[in-house]
PDB file of all heavy atoms in Angstrom:
ATOM      1  N   GLU A   1       6.573  -1.749  -5.665  1.00  0.00           N
ATOM      2  CA  GLU A   1       6.571  -2.991  -4.885  1.00  0.00           C
ATOM      3  C   GLU A   1       6.439  -4.211  -5.791  1.00  0.00           C
ATOM      4  O   GLU A   1       7.067  -5.251  -5.539  1.00  0.00           O
ATOM      5  CB  GLU A   1       5.445  -2.959  -3.856  1.00  0.00           C
ATOM      6  CG  GLU A   1       5.684  -1.972  -2.713  1.00  0.00           C
ATOM      7  CD  GLU A   1       4.746  -2.207  -1.556  1.00  0.00           C
ATOM      8  OE1 GLU A   1       3.522  -2.317  -1.804  1.00  0.00           O
ATOM      9  OE2 GLU A   1       5.224  -2.303  -0.409  1.00  0.00           O
ATOM     10  N   GLN A   2       5.628  -4.075  -6.855  1.00  0.00           N
ATOM     11  CA  GLN A   2       5.475  -5.185  -7.797  1.00  0.00           C
ATOM     12  C   GLN A   2       6.787  -5.475  -8.512  1.00  0.00           C
ATOM     13  O   GLN A   2       7.199  -6.642  -8.632  1.00  0.00           O
ATOM     14  CB  GLN A   2       4.374  -4.857  -8.809  1.00  0.00           C
ATOM     15  CG  GLN A   2       2.982  -4.821  -8.223  1.00  0.00           C
ATOM     16  CD  GLN A   2       1.949  -4.280  -9.200  1.00  0.00           C
ATOM     17  OE1 GLN A   2       2.295  -3.689 -10.234  1.00  0.00           O
ATOM     18  NE2 GLN A   2       0.675  -4.449  -8.874  1.00  0.00           N
ATOM     19  N   VAL A   3       7.446  -4.423  -8.996  1.00  0.00           N
ATOM     20  CA  VAL A   3       8.720  -4.595  -9.698  1.00  0.00           C
ATOM     21  C   VAL A   3       9.775  -5.158  -8.758  1.00  0.00           C
ATOM     22  O   VAL A   3      10.540  -6.071  -9.120  1.00  0.00           O
ATOM     23  CB  VAL A   3       9.180  -3.249 -10.307  1.00  0.00           C
ATOM     24  CG1 VAL A   3      10.625  -3.346 -10.802  1.00  0.00           C
ATOM     25  CG2 VAL A   3       8.258  -2.839 -11.443  1.00  0.00           C
ATOM     26  N   LEU A   4       9.824  -4.626  -7.531  1.00  0.00           N
ATOM     27  CA  LEU A   4      10.813  -5.081  -6.560  1.00  0.00           C
ATOM     28  C   LEU A   4      10.650  -6.570  -6.257  1.00  0.00           C
ATOM     29  O   LEU A   4      11.645  -7.315  -6.136  1.00  0.00           O
ATOM     30  CB  LEU A   4      10.688  -4.262  -5.276  1.00  0.00           C
ATOM     31  CG  LEU A   4      11.759  -4.478  -4.204  1.00  0.00           C
ATOM     32  CD1 LEU A   4      13.137  -4.100  -4.736  1.00  0.00           C
ATOM     33  CD2 LEU A   4      11.426  -3.661  -2.959  1.00  0.00           C
ATOM     34  N   ALA A   5       9.399  -7.017  -6.167  1.00  0.00           N
ATOM     35  CA  ALA A   5       9.126  -8.420  -5.859  1.00  0.00           C
ATOM     36  C   ALA A   5       9.540  -9.353  -6.993  1.00  0.00           C
ATOM     37  O   ALA A   5       9.802 -10.544  -6.758  1.00  0.00           O
ATOM     38  CB  ALA A   5       7.638  -8.602  -5.551  1.00  0.00           C
ATOM     39  N   GLN A   6       9.613  -8.821  -8.211  1.00  0.00           N
ATOM     40  CA  GLN A   6       9.919  -9.644  -9.381  1.00  0.00           C
ATOM     41  C   GLN A   6      11.361  -9.496  -9.848  1.00  0.00           C
ATOM     42  O   GLN A   6      11.748 -10.066 -10.865  1.00  0.00           O
ATOM     43  CB  GLN A   6       8.977  -9.263 -10.532  1.00  0.00           C
ATOM     44  CG  GLN A   6       7.505  -9.483 -10.220  1.00  0.00           C
ATOM     45  CD  GLN A   6       6.592  -8.803 -11.231  1.00  0.00           C
ATOM     46  OE1 GLN A   6       7.050  -8.208 -12.204  1.00  0.00           O
ATOM     47  NE2 GLN A   6       5.288  -8.906 -11.005  1.00  0.00           N
ATOM     48  N   THR A   7      12.168  -8.744  -9.106  1.00  0.00           N
ATOM     49  CA  THR A   7      13.514  -8.404  -9.566  1.00  0.00           C
ATOM     50  C   THR A   7      14.576  -8.991  -8.651  1.00  0.00           C
ATOM     51  O   THR A   7      14.450  -8.954  -7.418  1.00  0.00           O
ATOM     52  CB  THR A   7      13.691  -6.867  -9.609  1.00  0.00           C
ATOM     53  OG1 THR A   7      12.686  -6.303 -10.439  1.00  0.00           O
ATOM     54  CG2 THR A   7      15.067  -6.494 -10.153  1.00  0.00           C
ATOM     55  N   ASN A   8      15.609  -9.530  -9.267  1.00  0.00           N
ATOM     56  CA  ASN A   8      16.791  -9.931  -8.512  1.00  0.00           C
ATOM     57  C   ASN A   8      17.708  -8.710  -8.397  1.00  0.00           C
ATOM     58  O   ASN A   8      18.430  -8.369  -9.334  1.00  0.00           O
ATOM     59  CB  ASN A   8      17.519 -11.071  -9.229  1.00  0.00           C
ATOM     60  CG  ASN A   8      16.715 -12.361  -9.222  1.00  0.00           C
ATOM     61  OD1 ASN A   8      16.073 -12.698  -8.219  1.00  0.00           O
ATOM     62  ND2 ASN A   8      16.750 -13.093 -10.322  1.00  0.00           N
ATOM     63  N   VAL A   9      17.626  -8.050  -7.270  1.00  0.00           N
ATOM     64  CA  VAL A   9      18.314  -6.776  -7.089  1.00  0.00           C
ATOM     65  C   VAL A   9      19.799  -6.995  -6.833  1.00  0.00           C
ATOM     66  O   VAL A   9      20.175  -7.814  -5.983  1.00  0.00           O
ATOM     67  CB  VAL A   9      17.692  -5.980  -5.918  1.00  0.00           C
ATOM     68  CG1 VAL A   9      18.442  -4.676  -5.700  1.00  0.00           C
ATOM     69  CG2 VAL A   9      16.219  -5.719  -6.192  1.00  0.00           C
ATOM     70  N   ASN A  10      20.623  -6.242  -7.557  1.00  0.00           N
ATOM     71  CA  ASN A  10      22.061  -6.225  -7.306  1.00  0.00           C
ATOM     72  C   ASN A  10      22.332  -5.165  -6.240  1.00  0.00           C
ATOM     73  O   ASN A  10      22.264  -3.964  -6.526  1.00  0.00           O
ATOM     74  CB  ASN A  10      22.820  -5.898  -8.590  1.00  0.00           C
ATOM     75  CG  ASN A  10      24.318  -5.865  -8.377  1.00  0.00           C
ATOM     76  OD1 ASN A  10      24.823  -6.405  -7.399  1.00  0.00           O
ATOM     77  ND2 ASN A  10      25.036  -5.216  -9.291  1.00  0.00           N
ATOM     78  N   PRO A  11      22.622  -5.581  -5.004  1.00  0.00           N
ATOM     79  CA  PRO A  11      22.691  -4.614  -3.892  1.00  0.00           C
ATOM     80  C   PRO A  11      23.979  -3.808  -3.872  1.00  0.00           C
ATOM     81  O   PRO A  11      24.788  -3.897  -2.948  1.00  0.00           O
ATOM     82  CB  PRO A  11      22.574  -5.514  -2.668  1.00  0.00           C
ATOM     83  CG  PRO A  11      23.220  -6.799  -3.094  1.00  0.00           C
ATOM     84  CD  PRO A  11      22.885  -6.962  -4.553  1.00  0.00           C
ATOM     85  N   THR A  12      24.158  -2.956  -4.890  1.00  0.00           N
ATOM     86  CA  THR A  12      25.277  -2.022  -4.865  1.00  0.00           C
ATOM     87  C   THR A  12      25.023  -0.998  -3.766  1.00  0.00           C
ATOM     88  O   THR A  12      23.875  -0.834  -3.304  1.00  0.00           O
ATOM     89  CB  THR A  12      25.417  -1.310  -6.209  1.00  0.00           C
ATOM     90  OG1 THR A  12      24.246  -0.493  -6.419  1.00  0.00           O
ATOM     91  CG2 THR A  12      25.554  -2.306  -7.361  1.00  0.00           C
ATOM     92  N   PRO A  13      26.025  -0.276  -3.314  1.00  0.00           N
ATOM     93  CA  PRO A  13      25.805   0.753  -2.282  1.00  0.00           C
ATOM     94  C   PRO A  13      24.734   1.768  -2.686  1.00  0.00           C
ATOM     95  O   PRO A  13      23.924   2.191  -1.842  1.00  0.00           O
ATOM     96  CB  PRO A  13      27.181   1.397  -2.126  1.00  0.00           C
ATOM     97  CG  PRO A  13      28.141   0.326  -2.511  1.00  0.00           C
ATOM     98  CD  PRO A  13      27.471  -0.440  -3.611  1.00  0.00           C
ATOM     99  N   GLU A  14      24.736   2.153  -3.964  1.00  0.00           N
ATOM    100  CA  GLU A  14      23.751   3.145  -4.427  1.00  0.00           C
ATOM    101  C   GLU A  14      22.339   2.573  -4.408  1.00  0.00           C
ATOM    102  O   GLU A  14      21.389   3.241  -3.971  1.00  0.00           O
ATOM    103  CB  GLU A  14      24.114   3.617  -5.839  1.00  0.00           C
ATOM    104  CG  GLU A  14      25.379   4.447  -5.931  1.00  0.00           C
ATOM    105  CD  GLU A  14      26.632   3.592  -5.948  1.00  0.00           C
ATOM    106  OE1 GLU A  14      26.512   2.354  -6.060  1.00  0.00           O
ATOM    107  OE2 GLU A  14      27.729   4.165  -5.858  1.00  0.00           O
ATOM    108  N   VAL A  15      22.192   1.347  -4.874  1.00  0.00           N
ATOM    109  CA  VAL A  15      20.865   0.717  -4.875  1.00  0.00           C
ATOM    110  C   VAL A  15      20.381   0.511  -3.449  1.00  0.00           C
ATOM    111  O   VAL A  15      19.215   0.774  -3.125  1.00  0.00           O
ATOM    112  CB  VAL A  15      20.904  -0.620  -5.644  1.00  0.00           C
ATOM    113  CG1 VAL A  15      19.614  -1.409  -5.414  1.00  0.00           C
ATOM    114  CG2 VAL A  15      21.105  -0.377  -7.137  1.00  0.00           C
ATOM    115  N   SER A  16      21.255   0.054  -2.576  1.00  0.00           N
ATOM    116  CA  SER A  16      20.868  -0.172  -1.180  1.00  0.00           C
ATOM    117  C   SER A  16      20.442   1.130  -0.510  1.00  0.00           C
ATOM    118  O   SER A  16      19.471   1.155   0.267  1.00  0.00           O
ATOM    119  CB  SER A  16      22.038  -0.797  -0.414  1.00  0.00           C
ATOM    120  OG  SER A  16      22.346  -2.077  -0.934  1.00  0.00           O
ATOM    121  N   TYR A  17      21.156   2.218  -0.801  1.00  0.00           N
ATOM    122  CA  TYR A  17      20.781   3.529  -0.265  1.00  0.00           C
ATOM    123  C   TYR A  17      19.361   3.890  -0.714  1.00  0.00           C
ATOM    124  O   TYR A  17      18.536   4.341   0.098  1.00  0.00           O
ATOM    125  CB  TYR A  17      21.765   4.589  -0.743  1.00  0.00           C
ATOM    126  CG  TYR A  17      21.304   6.016  -0.526  1.00  0.00           C
ATOM    127  CD1 TYR A  17      21.487   6.657   0.696  1.00  0.00           C
ATOM    128  CD2 TYR A  17      20.668   6.725  -1.557  1.00  0.00           C
ATOM    129  CE1 TYR A  17      21.053   7.958   0.896  1.00  0.00           C
ATOM    130  CE2 TYR A  17      20.239   8.024  -1.366  1.00  0.00           C
ATOM    131  CZ  TYR A  17      20.437   8.639  -0.152  1.00  0.00           C
ATOM    132  OH  TYR A  17      20.001   9.921   0.048  1.00  0.00           O
ATOM    133  N   CYS A  18      19.074   3.694  -1.996  1.00  0.00           N
ATOM    134  CA  CYS A  18      17.758   4.046  -2.538  1.00  0.00           C
ATOM    135  C   CYS A  18      16.658   3.195  -1.914  1.00  0.00           C
ATOM    136  O   CYS A  18      15.588   3.707  -1.551  1.00  0.00           O
ATOM    137  CB  CYS A  18      17.747   3.881  -4.058  1.00  0.00           C
ATOM    138  SG  CYS A  18      18.692   5.120  -4.953  1.00  0.00           S
ATOM    139  N   LEU A  19      16.891   1.897  -1.779  1.00  0.00           N
ATOM    140  CA  LEU A  19      15.878   1.004  -1.222  1.00  0.00           C
ATOM    141  C   LEU A  19      15.550   1.393   0.219  1.00  0.00           C
ATOM    142  O   LEU A  19      14.375   1.413   0.616  1.00  0.00           O
ATOM    143  CB  LEU A  19      16.356  -0.447  -1.284  1.00  0.00           C
ATOM    144  CG  LEU A  19      16.550  -1.036  -2.683  1.00  0.00           C
ATOM    145  CD1 LEU A  19      17.118  -2.447  -2.592  1.00  0.00           C
ATOM    146  CD2 LEU A  19      15.233  -1.053  -3.460  1.00  0.00           C
ATOM    147  N   GLN A  20      16.574   1.724   0.995  1.00  0.00           N
ATOM    148  CA  GLN A  20      16.342   2.128   2.381  1.00  0.00           C
ATOM    149  C   GLN A  20      15.649   3.481   2.441  1.00  0.00           C
ATOM    150  O   GLN A  20      14.755   3.697   3.273  1.00  0.00           O
ATOM    151  CB  GLN A  20      17.673   2.193   3.133  1.00  0.00           C
ATOM    152  CG  GLN A  20      17.507   2.473   4.628  1.00  0.00           C
ATOM    153  CD  GLN A  20      16.716   1.380   5.330  1.00  0.00           C
ATOM    154  OE1 GLN A  20      17.014   0.200   5.186  1.00  0.00           O
ATOM    155  NE2 GLN A  20      15.691   1.765   6.095  1.00  0.00           N
ATOM    156  N   PHE A  21      16.045   4.388   1.558  1.00  0.00           N
ATOM    157  CA  PHE A  21      15.436   5.718   1.508  1.00  0.00           C
ATOM    158  C   PHE A  21      13.936   5.604   1.267  1.00  0.00           C
ATOM    159  O   PHE A  21      13.130   6.274   1.921  1.00  0.00           O
ATOM    160  CB  PHE A  21      16.087   6.536   0.384  1.00  0.00           C
ATOM    161  CG  PHE A  21      15.747   8.002   0.421  1.00  0.00           C
ATOM    162  CD1 PHE A  21      16.556   8.895   1.099  1.00  0.00           C
ATOM    163  CD2 PHE A  21      14.626   8.492  -0.233  1.00  0.00           C
ATOM    164  CE1 PHE A  21      16.255  10.253   1.135  1.00  0.00           C
ATOM    165  CE2 PHE A  21      14.313   9.838  -0.203  1.00  0.00           C
ATOM    166  CZ  PHE A  21      15.129  10.721   0.489  1.00  0.00           C
ATOM    167  N   VAL A  22      13.547   4.744   0.351  1.00  0.00           N
ATOM    168  CA  VAL A  22      12.135   4.551   0.028  1.00  0.00           C
ATOM    169  C   VAL A  22      11.394   3.916   1.196  1.00  0.00           C
ATOM    170  O   VAL A  22      10.284   4.346   1.567  1.00  0.00           O
ATOM    171  CB  VAL A  22      11.994   3.698  -1.246  1.00  0.00           C
ATOM    172  CG1 VAL A  22      10.544   3.268  -1.451  1.00  0.00           C
ATOM    173  CG2 VAL A  22      12.495   4.468  -2.458  1.00  0.00           C
ATOM    174  N   ARG A  23      11.990   2.900   1.815  1.00  0.00           N
ATOM    175  CA  ARG A  23      11.336   2.229   2.948  1.00  0.00           C
ATOM    176  C   ARG A  23      11.042   3.215   4.075  1.00  0.00           C
ATOM    177  O   ARG A  23       9.984   3.160   4.710  1.00  0.00           O
ATOM    178  CB  ARG A  23      12.212   1.093   3.472  1.00  0.00           C
ATOM    179  CG  ARG A  23      12.108  -0.197   2.686  1.00  0.00           C
ATOM    180  CD  ARG A  23      12.726  -1.353   3.455  1.00  0.00           C
ATOM    181  NE  ARG A  23      14.160  -1.187   3.652  1.00  0.00           N
ATOM    182  CZ  ARG A  23      15.079  -1.632   2.798  1.00  0.00           C
ATOM    183  NH1 ARG A  23      14.717  -2.272   1.696  1.00  0.00           N
ATOM    184  NH2 ARG A  23      16.371  -1.440   3.047  1.00  0.00           N
ATOM    185  N   ASP A  24      11.974   4.132   4.305  1.00  0.00           N
ATOM    186  CA  ASP A  24      11.825   5.072   5.416  1.00  0.00           C
ATOM    187  C   ASP A  24      10.725   6.108   5.186  1.00  0.00           C
ATOM    188  O   ASP A  24      10.347   6.819   6.136  1.00  0.00           O
ATOM    189  CB  ASP A  24      13.148   5.812   5.648  1.00  0.00           C
ATOM    190  CG  ASP A  24      14.237   4.912   6.212  1.00  0.00           C
ATOM    191  OD1 ASP A  24      13.900   3.818   6.701  1.00  0.00           O
ATOM    192  OD2 ASP A  24      15.420   5.299   6.144  1.00  0.00           O
ATOM    193  N   ARG A  25      10.226   6.210   3.950  1.00  0.00           N
ATOM    194  CA  ARG A  25       9.258   7.270   3.639  1.00  0.00           C
ATOM    195  C   ARG A  25       7.925   6.731   3.113  1.00  0.00           C
ATOM    196  O   ARG A  25       7.185   7.438   2.449  1.00  0.00           O
ATOM    197  CB  ARG A  25       9.884   8.248   2.629  1.00  0.00           C
ATOM    198  CG  ARG A  25      10.926   9.135   3.285  1.00  0.00           C
ATOM    199  CD  ARG A  25      11.904   9.717   2.307  1.00  0.00           C
ATOM    200  NE  ARG A  25      12.908  10.526   3.004  1.00  0.00           N
ATOM    201  CZ  ARG A  25      13.963   9.994   3.647  1.00  0.00           C
ATOM    202  NH1 ARG A  25      14.146   8.681   3.645  1.00  0.00           N
ATOM    203  NH2 ARG A  25      14.827  10.784   4.266  1.00  0.00           N
ATOM    204  N   GLN A  26       7.602   5.522   3.468  1.00  0.00           N
ATOM    205  CA  GLN A  26       6.343   4.936   2.997  1.00  0.00           C
ATOM    206  C   GLN A  26       5.142   5.757   3.458  1.00  0.00           C
ATOM    207  O   GLN A  26       4.162   5.907   2.727  1.00  0.00           O
ATOM    208  CB  GLN A  26       6.215   3.498   3.491  1.00  0.00           C
ATOM    209  CG  GLN A  26       4.964   2.793   2.984  1.00  0.00           C
ATOM    210  CD  GLN A  26       4.932   1.328   3.371  1.00  0.00           C
ATOM    211  OE1 GLN A  26       5.888   0.806   3.947  1.00  0.00           O
ATOM    212  NE2 GLN A  26       3.846   0.651   3.053  1.00  0.00           N
ATOM    213  N   ALA A  27       5.209   6.321   4.655  1.00  0.00           N
ATOM    214  CA  ALA A  27       4.076   7.088   5.189  1.00  0.00           C
ATOM    215  C   ALA A  27       3.828   8.366   4.396  1.00  0.00           C
ATOM    216  O   ALA A  27       2.713   8.913   4.427  1.00  0.00           O
ATOM    217  CB  ALA A  27       4.327   7.427   6.656  1.00  0.00           C
ATOM    218  N   LEU A  28       4.841   8.860   3.682  1.00  0.00           N
ATOM    219  CA  LEU A  28       4.696  10.095   2.904  1.00  0.00           C
ATOM    220  C   LEU A  28       3.825   9.901   1.676  1.00  0.00           C
ATOM    221  O   LEU A  28       3.200  10.855   1.196  1.00  0.00           O
ATOM    222  CB  LEU A  28       6.091  10.575   2.482  1.00  0.00           C
ATOM    223  CG  LEU A  28       6.211  11.763   1.527  1.00  0.00           C
ATOM    224  CD1 LEU A  28       5.630  13.018   2.163  1.00  0.00           C
ATOM    225  CD2 LEU A  28       7.669  11.981   1.143  1.00  0.00           C
ATOM    226  N   VAL A  29       3.750   8.683   1.182  1.00  0.00           N
ATOM    227  CA  VAL A  29       3.167   8.386  -0.125  1.00  0.00           C
ATOM    228  C   VAL A  29       1.732   8.877  -0.271  1.00  0.00           C
ATOM    229  O   VAL A  29       1.335   9.371  -1.328  1.00  0.00           O
ATOM    230  CB  VAL A  29       3.250   6.862  -0.391  1.00  0.00           C
ATOM    231  CG1 VAL A  29       2.411   6.470  -1.612  1.00  0.00           C
ATOM    232  CG2 VAL A  29       4.697   6.438  -0.574  1.00  0.00           C
ATOM    233  N   HIS A  30       0.936   8.783   0.772  1.00  0.00           N
ATOM    234  CA  HIS A  30      -0.512   8.998   0.653  1.00  0.00           C
ATOM    235  C   HIS A  30      -0.979  10.410   1.037  1.00  0.00           C
ATOM    236  O   HIS A  30      -2.176  10.691   0.987  1.00  0.00           O
ATOM    237  CB  HIS A  30      -1.266   7.985   1.529  1.00  0.00           C
ATOM    238  CG  HIS A  30      -1.066   6.563   1.111  1.00  0.00           C
ATOM    239  ND1 HIS A  30      -1.874   5.931   0.181  1.00  0.00           N
ATOM    240  CD2 HIS A  30      -0.128   5.652   1.472  1.00  0.00           C
ATOM    241  CE1 HIS A  30      -1.456   4.691  -0.003  1.00  0.00           C
ATOM    242  NE2 HIS A  30      -0.395   4.490   0.767  1.00  0.00           N
ATOM    243  N   VAL A  31      -0.066  11.300   1.382  1.00  0.00           N
ATOM    244  CA  VAL A  31      -0.472  12.562   2.001  1.00  0.00           C
ATOM    245  C   VAL A  31      -1.411  13.391   1.124  1.00  0.00           C
ATOM    246  O   VAL A  31      -2.454  13.877   1.595  1.00  0.00           O
ATOM    247  CB  VAL A  31       0.770  13.377   2.426  1.00  0.00           C
ATOM    248  CG1 VAL A  31       1.665  13.707   1.245  1.00  0.00           C
ATOM    249  CG2 VAL A  31       0.349  14.653   3.150  1.00  0.00           C
ATOM    250  N   LEU A  32      -1.114  13.566  -0.146  1.00  0.00           N
ATOM    251  CA  LEU A  32      -1.973  14.398  -1.006  1.00  0.00           C
ATOM    252  C   LEU A  32      -3.220  13.672  -1.452  1.00  0.00           C
ATOM    253  O   LEU A  32      -4.314  14.261  -1.520  1.00  0.00           O
ATOM    254  CB  LEU A  32      -1.182  14.902  -2.218  1.00  0.00           C
ATOM    255  CG  LEU A  32      -0.068  15.901  -1.943  1.00  0.00           C
ATOM    256  CD1 LEU A  32       0.518  16.414  -3.260  1.00  0.00           C
ATOM    257  CD2 LEU A  32      -0.551  17.078  -1.106  1.00  0.00           C
ATOM    258  N   GLU A  33      -3.100  12.394  -1.766  1.00  0.00           N
ATOM    259  CA  GLU A  33      -4.275  11.645  -2.197  1.00  0.00           C
ATOM    260  C   GLU A  33      -5.274  11.485  -1.065  1.00  0.00           C
ATOM    261  O   GLU A  33      -6.493  11.508  -1.293  1.00  0.00           O
ATOM    262  CB  GLU A  33      -3.865  10.283  -2.756  1.00  0.00           C
ATOM    263  CG  GLU A  33      -3.223  10.353  -4.127  1.00  0.00           C
ATOM    264  CD  GLU A  33      -4.113  11.032  -5.167  1.00  0.00           C
ATOM    265  OE1 GLU A  33      -5.259  10.600  -5.342  1.00  0.00           O
ATOM    266  OE2 GLU A  33      -3.650  12.010  -5.784  1.00  0.00           O
TER     267      GLU A  33
END
C-alpha cells in the first residue's frame, strides 16, 4: 500500500489485473497471523 501510494502506475492490462486481484483478497491477508 505504501509503494502503491507513491507510484505513478502504468495501467497496462496485466498491471490492472494484478491490482484488482489483490484488492479482491484483502481479507485473506491476516488469516495465519
